[in-house]
PDB file of N, CA and C in Angstrom:
ATOM      1  N   UNK A   1      -3.694  -0.703   7.603  1.00  0.00           N
ATOM      2  CA  UNK A   1      -2.489  -0.013   7.170  1.00  0.00           C
ATOM      3  C   UNK A   1      -2.574   0.322   5.686  1.00  0.00           C
ATOM      4  N   UNK A   2      -3.077  -0.634   4.900  1.00  0.00           N
ATOM      5  CA  UNK A   2      -3.186  -0.386   3.457  1.00  0.00           C
ATOM      6  C   UNK A   2      -4.133   0.769   3.158  1.00  0.00           C
ATOM      7  N   UNK A   3      -5.227   0.849   3.895  1.00  0.00           N
ATOM      8  CA  UNK A   3      -6.163   1.959   3.688  1.00  0.00           C
ATOM      9  C   UNK A   3      -5.486   3.302   3.950  1.00  0.00           C
ATOM     10  N   UNK A   4      -4.687   3.374   4.992  1.00  0.00           N
ATOM     11  CA  UNK A   4      -3.977   4.608   5.324  1.00  0.00           C
ATOM     12  C   UNK A   4      -2.998   4.966   4.202  1.00  0.00           C
ATOM     13  N   UNK A   5      -2.272   3.969   3.697  1.00  0.00           N
ATOM     14  CA  UNK A   5      -1.330   4.220   2.603  1.00  0.00           C
ATOM     15  C   UNK A   5      -2.040   4.695   1.342  1.00  0.00           C
ATOM     16  N   UNK A   6      -3.158   4.066   1.006  1.00  0.00           N
ATOM     17  CA  UNK A   6      -3.905   4.454  -0.190  1.00  0.00           C
ATOM     18  C   UNK A   6      -4.462   5.866  -0.037  1.00  0.00           C
ATOM     19  N   UNK A   7      -4.960   6.204   1.135  1.00  0.00           N
ATOM     20  CA  UNK A   7      -5.458   7.561   1.383  1.00  0.00           C
ATOM     21  C   UNK A   7      -4.333   8.581   1.247  1.00  0.00           C
ATOM     22  N   UNK A   8      -3.166   8.279   1.803  1.00  0.00           N
ATOM     23  CA  UNK A   8      -2.016   9.181   1.697  1.00  0.00           C
ATOM     24  C   UNK A   8      -1.580   9.327   0.244  1.00  0.00           C
ATOM     25  N   UNK A   9      -1.627   8.238  -0.488  1.00  0.00           N
ATOM     26  CA  UNK A   9      -1.275   8.264  -1.915  1.00  0.00           C
ATOM     27  C   UNK A   9      -2.179   9.234  -2.667  1.00  0.00           C
ATOM     28  N   UNK A  10      -3.467   9.122  -2.444  1.00  0.00           N
ATOM     29  CA  UNK A  10      -4.428   9.997  -3.128  1.00  0.00           C
ATOM     30  C   UNK A  10      -4.283  11.454  -2.691  1.00  0.00           C
ATOM     31  N   UNK A  11      -4.172  11.648  -1.390  1.00  0.00           N
ATOM     32  CA  UNK A  11      -4.113  12.996  -0.831  1.00  0.00           C
ATOM     33  C   UNK A  11      -2.850  13.743  -1.282  1.00  0.00           C
ATOM     34  N   UNK A  12      -1.735  13.048  -1.344  1.00  0.00           N
ATOM     35  CA  UNK A  12      -0.464  13.690  -1.668  1.00  0.00           C
ATOM     36  C   UNK A  12      -0.044  13.522  -3.120  1.00  0.00           C
ATOM     37  N   UNK A  13      -0.807  12.746  -3.882  1.00  0.00           N
ATOM     38  CA  UNK A  13      -0.465  12.521  -5.283  1.00  0.00           C
ATOM     39  C   UNK A  13       0.854  11.790  -5.446  1.00  0.00           C
ATOM     40  N   UNK A  14       1.087  10.826  -4.570  1.00  0.00           N
ATOM     41  CA  UNK A  14       2.356  10.102  -4.609  1.00  0.00           C
ATOM     42  C   UNK A  14       2.159   8.680  -5.105  1.00  0.00           C
ATOM     43  N   UNK A  15       3.251   7.974  -5.285  1.00  0.00           N
ATOM     44  CA  UNK A  15       3.226   6.576  -5.708  1.00  0.00           C
ATOM     45  C   UNK A  15       3.652   5.689  -4.553  1.00  0.00           C
ATOM     46  N   UNK A  16       3.245   4.428  -4.626  1.00  0.00           N
ATOM     47  CA  UNK A  16       3.635   3.436  -3.632  1.00  0.00           C
ATOM     48  C   UNK A  16       4.191   2.228  -4.379  1.00  0.00           C
ATOM     49  N   UNK A  17       5.323   1.739  -3.930  1.00  0.00           N
ATOM     50  CA  UNK A  17       5.884   0.503  -4.462  1.00  0.00           C
ATOM     51  C   UNK A  17       5.606  -0.580  -3.432  1.00  0.00           C
ATOM     52  N   UNK A  18       4.834  -1.572  -3.815  1.00  0.00           N
ATOM     53  CA  UNK A  18       4.443  -2.649  -2.912  1.00  0.00           C
ATOM     54  C   UNK A  18       4.993  -3.956  -3.467  1.00  0.00           C
ATOM     55  N   UNK A  19       5.799  -4.640  -2.676  1.00  0.00           N
ATOM     56  CA  UNK A  19       6.354  -5.924  -3.081  1.00  0.00           C
ATOM     57  C   UNK A  19       5.703  -6.987  -2.205  1.00  0.00           C
ATOM     58  N   UNK A  20       5.036  -7.949  -2.841  1.00  0.00           N
ATOM     59  CA  UNK A  20       4.269  -8.925  -2.081  1.00  0.00           C
ATOM     60  C   UNK A  20       4.054 -10.203  -2.878  1.00  0.00           C
ATOM     61  N   UNK A  21       3.780 -11.275  -2.156  1.00  0.00           N
ATOM     62  CA  UNK A  21       3.354 -12.526  -2.774  1.00  0.00           C
ATOM     63  C   UNK A  21       1.828 -12.636  -2.778  1.00  0.00           C
ATOM     64  N   UNK A  22       1.158 -11.681  -2.159  1.00  0.00           N
ATOM     65  CA  UNK A  22      -0.297 -11.707  -2.026  1.00  0.00           C
ATOM     66  C   UNK A  22      -0.932 -10.954  -3.199  1.00  0.00           C
ATOM     67  N   UNK A  23      -1.267 -11.685  -4.245  1.00  0.00           N
ATOM     68  CA  UNK A  23      -1.797 -11.073  -5.462  1.00  0.00           C
ATOM     69  C   UNK A  23      -3.131 -10.368  -5.200  1.00  0.00           C
ATOM     70  N   UNK A  24      -3.961 -10.926  -4.347  1.00  0.00           N
ATOM     71  CA  UNK A  24      -5.253 -10.305  -4.049  1.00  0.00           C
ATOM     72  C   UNK A  24      -5.074  -8.939  -3.395  1.00  0.00           C
ATOM     73  N   UNK A  25      -4.135  -8.844  -2.467  1.00  0.00           N
ATOM     74  CA  UNK A  25      -3.883  -7.578  -1.799  1.00  0.00           C
ATOM     75  C   UNK A  25      -3.331  -6.563  -2.785  1.00  0.00           C
ATOM     76  N   UNK A  26      -2.380  -6.978  -3.593  1.00  0.00           N
ATOM     77  CA  UNK A  26      -1.792  -6.069  -4.577  1.00  0.00           C
ATOM     78  C   UNK A  26      -2.868  -5.585  -5.544  1.00  0.00           C
ATOM     79  N   UNK A  27      -3.718  -6.477  -5.981  1.00  0.00           N
ATOM     80  CA  UNK A  27      -4.785  -6.112  -6.921  1.00  0.00           C
ATOM     81  C   UNK A  27      -5.726  -5.076  -6.332  1.00  0.00           C
ATOM     82  N   UNK A  28      -5.904  -5.097  -5.023  1.00  0.00           N
ATOM     83  CA  UNK A  28      -6.836  -4.158  -4.397  1.00  0.00           C
ATOM     84  C   UNK A  28      -6.288  -2.730  -4.313  1.00  0.00           C
ATOM     85  N   UNK A  29      -4.971  -2.556  -4.437  1.00  0.00           N
ATOM     86  CA  UNK A  29      -4.402  -1.214  -4.293  1.00  0.00           C
ATOM     87  C   UNK A  29      -3.589  -0.744  -5.495  1.00  0.00           C
ATOM     88  N   UNK A  30      -3.233  -1.648  -6.405  1.00  0.00           N
ATOM     89  CA  UNK A  30      -2.301  -1.283  -7.475  1.00  0.00           C
ATOM     90  C   UNK A  30      -3.005  -0.849  -8.758  1.00  0.00           C
ATOM     91  N   UNK A  31      -2.436   0.156  -9.406  1.00  0.00           N
ATOM     92  CA  UNK A  31      -2.883   0.556 -10.737  1.00  0.00           C
ATOM     93  C   UNK A  31      -2.192  -0.314 -11.787  1.00  0.00           C
ATOM     94  N   UNK A  32      -0.935  -0.638 -11.510  1.00  0.00           N
ATOM     95  CA  UNK A  32      -0.122  -1.462 -12.402  1.00  0.00           C
ATOM     96  C   UNK A  32       0.539  -2.575 -11.607  1.00  0.00           C
ATOM     97  N   UNK A  33       0.786  -3.705 -12.286  1.00  0.00           N
ATOM     98  CA  UNK A  33       1.421  -4.861 -11.644  1.00  0.00           C
ATOM     99  C   UNK A  33       2.606  -5.303 -12.493  1.00  0.00           C
ATOM    100  N   UNK A  34       3.641  -5.723 -11.796  1.00  0.00           N
ATOM    101  CA  UNK A  34       4.827  -6.273 -12.433  1.00  0.00           C
ATOM    102  C   UNK A  34       5.050  -7.648 -11.805  1.00  0.00           C
ATOM    103  N   UNK A  35       5.001  -8.703 -12.600  1.00  0.00           N
ATOM    104  CA  UNK A  35       5.194 -10.062 -12.100  1.00  0.00           C
ATOM    105  C   UNK A  35       6.645 -10.452 -12.358  1.00  0.00           C
ATOM    106  N   UNK A  36       7.301 -10.931 -11.293  1.00  0.00           N
ATOM    107  CA  UNK A  36       8.701 -11.323 -11.422  1.00  0.00           C
ATOM    108  C   UNK A  36       8.855 -12.808 -11.139  1.00  0.00           C
ATOM    109  N   UNK A  37       9.796 -13.417 -11.826  1.00  0.00           N
ATOM    110  CA  UNK A  37      10.132 -14.830 -11.628  1.00  0.00           C
ATOM    111  C   UNK A  37      11.644 -14.919 -11.606  1.00  0.00           C
ATOM    112  N   UNK A  38      12.172 -15.414 -10.496  1.00  0.00           N
ATOM    113  CA  UNK A  38      13.624 -15.554 -10.348  1.00  0.00           C
ATOM    114  C   UNK A  38      14.358 -14.248 -10.605  1.00  0.00           C
ATOM    115  N   UNK A  39      13.786 -13.143 -10.137  1.00  0.00           N
ATOM    116  CA  UNK A  39      14.422 -11.837 -10.264  1.00  0.00           C
ATOM    117  C   UNK A  39      14.273 -11.166 -11.611  1.00  0.00           C
ATOM    118  N   UNK A  40      13.524 -11.766 -12.516  1.00  0.00           N
ATOM    119  CA  UNK A  40      13.310 -11.207 -13.857  1.00  0.00           C
ATOM    120  C   UNK A  40      11.832 -10.848 -14.041  1.00  0.00           C
ATOM    121  N   UNK A  41      11.569  -9.714 -14.645  1.00  0.00           N
ATOM    122  CA  UNK A  41      10.197  -9.316 -14.953  1.00  0.00           C
ATOM    123  C   UNK A  41       9.689 -10.198 -16.096  1.00  0.00           C
ATOM    124  N   UNK A  42       8.573 -10.887 -15.863  1.00  0.00           N
ATOM    125  CA  UNK A  42       8.003 -11.734 -16.912  1.00  0.00           C
ATOM    126  C   UNK A  42       6.733 -11.134 -17.507  1.00  0.00           C
ATOM    127  N   UNK A  43       6.103 -10.224 -16.754  1.00  0.00           N
ATOM    128  CA  UNK A  43       4.887  -9.590 -17.271  1.00  0.00           C
ATOM    129  C   UNK A  43       4.618  -8.317 -16.477  1.00  0.00           C
ATOM    130  N   UNK A  44       4.166  -7.289 -17.176  1.00  0.00           N
ATOM    131  CA  UNK A  44       3.789  -6.056 -16.489  1.00  0.00           C
ATOM    132  C   UNK A  44       2.706  -5.360 -17.281  1.00  0.00           C
ATOM    133  N   UNK A  45       1.911  -4.583 -16.568  1.00  0.00           N
ATOM    134  CA  UNK A  45       0.850  -3.844 -17.219  1.00  0.00           C
ATOM    135  C   UNK A  45      -0.193  -3.391 -16.226  1.00  0.00           C
ATOM    136  N   UNK A  46      -1.290  -2.888 -16.750  1.00  0.00           N
ATOM    137  CA  UNK A  46      -2.402  -2.462 -15.901  1.00  0.00           C
ATOM    138  C   UNK A  46      -2.908  -3.657 -15.103  1.00  0.00           C
ATOM    139  N   UNK A  47      -3.266  -3.415 -13.862  1.00  0.00           N
ATOM    140  CA  UNK A  47      -3.701  -4.495 -12.978  1.00  0.00           C
ATOM    141  C   UNK A  47      -4.806  -5.330 -13.607  1.00  0.00           C
ATOM    142  N   UNK A  48      -5.833  -4.693 -14.129  1.00  0.00           N
ATOM    143  CA  UNK A  48      -6.950  -5.447 -14.711  1.00  0.00           C
ATOM    144  C   UNK A  48      -6.510  -6.283 -15.902  1.00  0.00           C
ATOM    145  N   UNK A  49      -5.607  -5.750 -16.714  1.00  0.00           N
ATOM    146  CA  UNK A  49      -5.122  -6.479 -17.883  1.00  0.00           C
ATOM    147  C   UNK A  49      -4.318  -7.711 -17.471  1.00  0.00           C
ATOM    148  N   UNK A  50      -3.392  -7.535 -16.553  1.00  0.00           N
ATOM    149  CA  UNK A  50      -2.530  -8.651 -16.142  1.00  0.00           C
ATOM    150  C   UNK A  50      -3.335  -9.728 -15.425  1.00  0.00           C
ATOM    151  N   UNK A  51      -4.262  -9.334 -14.559  1.00  0.00           N
ATOM    152  CA  UNK A  51      -5.009 -10.326 -13.788  1.00  0.00           C
ATOM    153  C   UNK A  51      -6.147 -10.979 -14.567  1.00  0.00           C
ATOM    154  N   UNK A  52      -6.754 -10.260 -15.495  1.00  0.00           N
ATOM    155  CA  UNK A  52      -7.879 -10.821 -16.246  1.00  0.00           C
ATOM    156  C   UNK A  52      -7.463 -11.524 -17.529  1.00  0.00           C
ATOM    157  N   UNK A  53      -6.314 -11.172 -18.069  1.00  0.00           N
ATOM    158  CA  UNK A  53      -5.836 -11.799 -19.305  1.00  0.00           C
ATOM    159  C   UNK A  53      -4.318 -11.939 -19.259  1.00  0.00           C
ATOM    160  N   UNK A  54      -3.812 -12.755 -18.321  1.00  0.00           N
ATOM    161  CA  UNK A  54      -2.361 -12.898 -18.197  1.00  0.00           C
ATOM    162  C   UNK A  54      -1.758 -13.530 -19.451  1.00  0.00           C
ATOM    163  N   UNK A  55      -0.624 -12.985 -19.885  1.00  0.00           N
ATOM    164  CA  UNK A  55       0.044 -13.495 -21.089  1.00  0.00           C
ATOM    165  C   UNK A  55       1.089 -14.556 -20.773  1.00  0.00           C
ATOM    166  N   UNK A  56       1.735 -14.426 -19.638  1.00  0.00           N
ATOM    167  CA  UNK A  56       2.835 -15.331 -19.316  1.00  0.00           C
ATOM    168  C   UNK A  56       2.334 -16.538 -18.526  1.00  0.00           C
ATOM    169  N   UNK A  57       2.890 -17.705 -18.808  1.00  0.00           N
ATOM    170  CA  UNK A  57       2.485 -18.942 -18.133  1.00  0.00           C
ATOM    171  C   UNK A  57       2.706 -18.858 -16.624  1.00  0.00           C
ATOM    172  N   UNK A  58       3.768 -18.202 -16.199  1.00  0.00           N
ATOM    173  CA  UNK A  58       4.048 -18.079 -14.766  1.00  0.00           C
ATOM    174  C   UNK A  58       2.976 -17.251 -14.073  1.00  0.00           C
ATOM    175  N   UNK A  59       2.530 -16.175 -14.702  1.00  0.00           N
ATOM    176  CA  UNK A  59       1.465 -15.348 -14.132  1.00  0.00           C
ATOM    177  C   UNK A  59       0.187 -16.173 -14.005  1.00  0.00           C
ATOM    178  N   UNK A  60      -0.133 -16.934 -15.045  1.00  0.00           N
ATOM    179  CA  UNK A  60      -1.324 -17.793 -14.992  1.00  0.00           C
ATOM    180  C   UNK A  60      -1.204 -18.814 -13.860  1.00  0.00           C
ATOM    181  N   UNK A  61      -0.021 -19.390 -13.689  1.00  0.00           N
ATOM    182  CA  UNK A  61       0.185 -20.370 -12.620  1.00  0.00           C
ATOM    183  C   UNK A  61       0.029 -19.728 -11.246  1.00  0.00           C
ATOM    184  N   UNK A  62       0.563 -18.522 -11.070  1.00  0.00           N
ATOM    185  CA  UNK A  62       0.400 -17.826  -9.793  1.00  0.00           C
ATOM    186  C   UNK A  62      -1.069 -17.571  -9.480  1.00  0.00           C
ATOM    187  N   UNK A  63      -1.816 -17.153 -10.482  1.00  0.00           N
ATOM    188  CA  UNK A  63      -3.241 -16.882 -10.273  1.00  0.00           C
ATOM    189  C   UNK A  63      -4.009 -18.155  -9.928  1.00  0.00           C
ATOM    190  N   UNK A  64      -3.620 -19.275 -10.497  1.00  0.00           N
ATOM    191  CA  UNK A  64      -4.270 -20.550 -10.178  1.00  0.00           C
ATOM    192  C   UNK A  64      -4.001 -20.960  -8.733  1.00  0.00           C
ATOM    193  N   UNK A  65      -2.874 -20.536  -8.181  1.00  0.00           N
ATOM    194  CA  UNK A  65      -2.521 -20.871  -6.803  1.00  0.00           C
ATOM    195  C   UNK A  65      -3.234 -19.993  -5.784  1.00  0.00           C
ATOM    196  N   UNK A  66      -3.879 -18.944  -6.244  1.00  0.00           N
ATOM    197  CA  UNK A  66      -4.579 -18.031  -5.351  1.00  0.00           C
ATOM    198  C   UNK A  66      -5.860 -18.698  -4.856  1.00  0.00           C
ATOM    199  N   UNK A  67      -6.048 -18.822  -3.539  1.00  0.00           N
ATOM    200  CA  UNK A  67      -7.264 -19.476  -3.026  1.00  0.00           C
ATOM    201  C   UNK A  67      -8.529 -18.749  -3.482  1.00  0.00           C
ATOM    202  N   UNK A  68      -9.573 -19.510  -3.694  1.00  0.00           N
ATOM    203  CA  UNK A  68     -10.844 -18.953  -4.148  1.00  0.00           C
ATOM    204  C   UNK A  68     -11.929 -19.224  -3.113  1.00  0.00           C
ATOM    205  N   UNK A  69     -12.814 -18.255  -2.938  1.00  0.00           N
ATOM    206  CA  UNK A  69     -13.944 -18.451  -2.041  1.00  0.00           C
ATOM    207  C   UNK A  69     -15.078 -19.206  -2.727  1.00  0.00           C
ATOM    208  N   UNK A  70     -15.063 -19.249  -4.060  1.00  0.00           N
ATOM    209  CA  UNK A  70     -16.142 -19.897  -4.799  1.00  0.00           C
ATOM    210  C   UNK A  70     -15.752 -21.262  -5.362  1.00  0.00           C
ATOM    211  N   UNK A  71     -14.477 -21.541  -5.433  1.00  0.00           N
ATOM    212  CA  UNK A  71     -13.992 -22.804  -6.006  1.00  0.00           C
ATOM    213  C   UNK A  71     -13.486 -23.696  -4.875  1.00  0.00           C
ATOM    214  N   UNK A  72     -14.098 -24.834  -4.704  1.00  0.00           N
ATOM    215  CA  UNK A  72     -13.715 -25.758  -3.623  1.00  0.00           C
ATOM    216  C   UNK A  72     -12.590 -26.661  -4.100  1.00  0.00           C
ATOM    217  N   UNK A  73     -11.507 -26.665  -3.349  1.00  0.00           N
ATOM    218  CA  UNK A  73     -10.380 -27.528  -3.671  1.00  0.00           C
ATOM    219  C   UNK A  73      -9.854 -28.164  -2.395  1.00  0.00           C
ATOM    220  N   UNK A  74      -9.332 -29.367  -2.523  1.00  0.00           N
ATOM    221  CA  UNK A  74      -8.717 -29.989  -1.360  1.00  0.00           C
ATOM    222  C   UNK A  74      -7.289 -29.481  -1.194  1.00  0.00           C
ATOM    223  N   UNK A  75      -6.622 -29.218  -2.309  1.00  0.00           N
ATOM    224  CA  UNK A  75      -5.265 -28.670  -2.285  1.00  0.00           C
ATOM    225  C   UNK A  75      -5.143 -27.597  -3.346  1.00  0.00           C
ATOM    226  N   UNK A  76      -4.319 -26.604  -3.070  1.00  0.00           N
ATOM    227  CA  UNK A  76      -4.040 -25.595  -4.070  1.00  0.00           C
ATOM    228  C   UNK A  76      -3.057 -26.158  -5.086  1.00  0.00           C
ATOM    229  N   UNK A  77      -3.148 -25.704  -6.336  1.00  0.00           N
ATOM    230  CA  UNK A  77      -2.167 -26.149  -7.328  1.00  0.00           C
ATOM    231  C   UNK A  77      -0.762 -25.699  -6.910  1.00  0.00           C
ATOM    232  N   UNK A  78       0.238 -26.428  -7.376  1.00  0.00           N
ATOM    233  CA  UNK A  78       1.628 -26.121  -7.068  1.00  0.00           C
ATOM    234  C   UNK A  78       2.353 -25.827  -8.377  1.00  0.00           C
ATOM    235  N   UNK A  79       3.173 -24.789  -8.356  1.00  0.00           N
ATOM    236  CA  UNK A  79       4.014 -24.496  -9.521  1.00  0.00           C
ATOM    237  C   UNK A  79       5.222 -25.430  -9.397  1.00  0.00           C
ATOM    238  N   UNK A  80       5.366 -26.396 -10.309  1.00  0.00           N
ATOM    239  CA  UNK A  80       6.391 -27.430 -10.176  1.00  0.00           C
ATOM    240  C   UNK A  80       7.794 -26.896  -9.866  1.00  0.00           C
ATOM    241  N   UNK A  81       8.206 -25.849 -10.534  1.00  0.00           N
ATOM    242  CA  UNK A  81       9.554 -25.339 -10.304  1.00  0.00           C
ATOM    243  C   UNK A  81       9.745 -24.774  -8.907  1.00  0.00           C
ATOM    244  N   UNK A  82       8.651 -24.436  -8.250  1.00  0.00           N
ATOM    245  CA  UNK A  82       8.755 -23.862  -6.903  1.00  0.00           C
ATOM    246  C   UNK A  82       9.163 -24.912  -5.875  1.00  0.00           C
ATOM    247  N   UNK A  83       8.938 -26.187  -6.175  1.00  0.00           N
ATOM    248  CA  UNK A  83       9.293 -27.218  -5.213  1.00  0.00           C
ATOM    249  C   UNK A  83      10.521 -28.026  -5.640  1.00  0.00           C
ATOM    250  N   UNK A  84      11.009 -27.786  -6.840  1.00  0.00           N
ATOM    251  CA  UNK A  84      12.202 -28.502  -7.282  1.00  0.00           C
ATOM    252  C   UNK A  84      13.445 -27.788  -6.799  1.00  0.00           C
ATOM    253  N   UNK A  85      14.508 -28.521  -6.616  1.00  0.00           N
ATOM    254  CA  UNK A  85      15.749 -27.903  -6.138  1.00  0.00           C
ATOM    255  C   UNK A  85      16.428 -27.173  -7.299  1.00  0.00           C
ATOM    256  N   UNK A  86      17.153 -26.080  -6.989  1.00  0.00           N
ATOM    257  CA  UNK A  86      17.788 -25.266  -8.053  1.00  0.00           C
ATOM    258  C   UNK A  86      18.896 -25.980  -8.780  1.00  0.00           C
TER     259      UNK A  86
END
């Protein structure tokens, strides 16, 4: 489905707004990324800039939670506030 959307985007010169928790998927199709925390934008910019040199601690924490094919872990890191009650 993503391939079809990306092809349509290129062919028609249109934009796509993709909202997802899957950073790897977003990185594969997005030119720009906007990271939100609790409904507030905490970081935005070019995909390569945000993913390769994140400025905000929350963005860095999200990237650490992304599973890796090269890094062996027994458990993924947890963002503490994500498991605490509001």
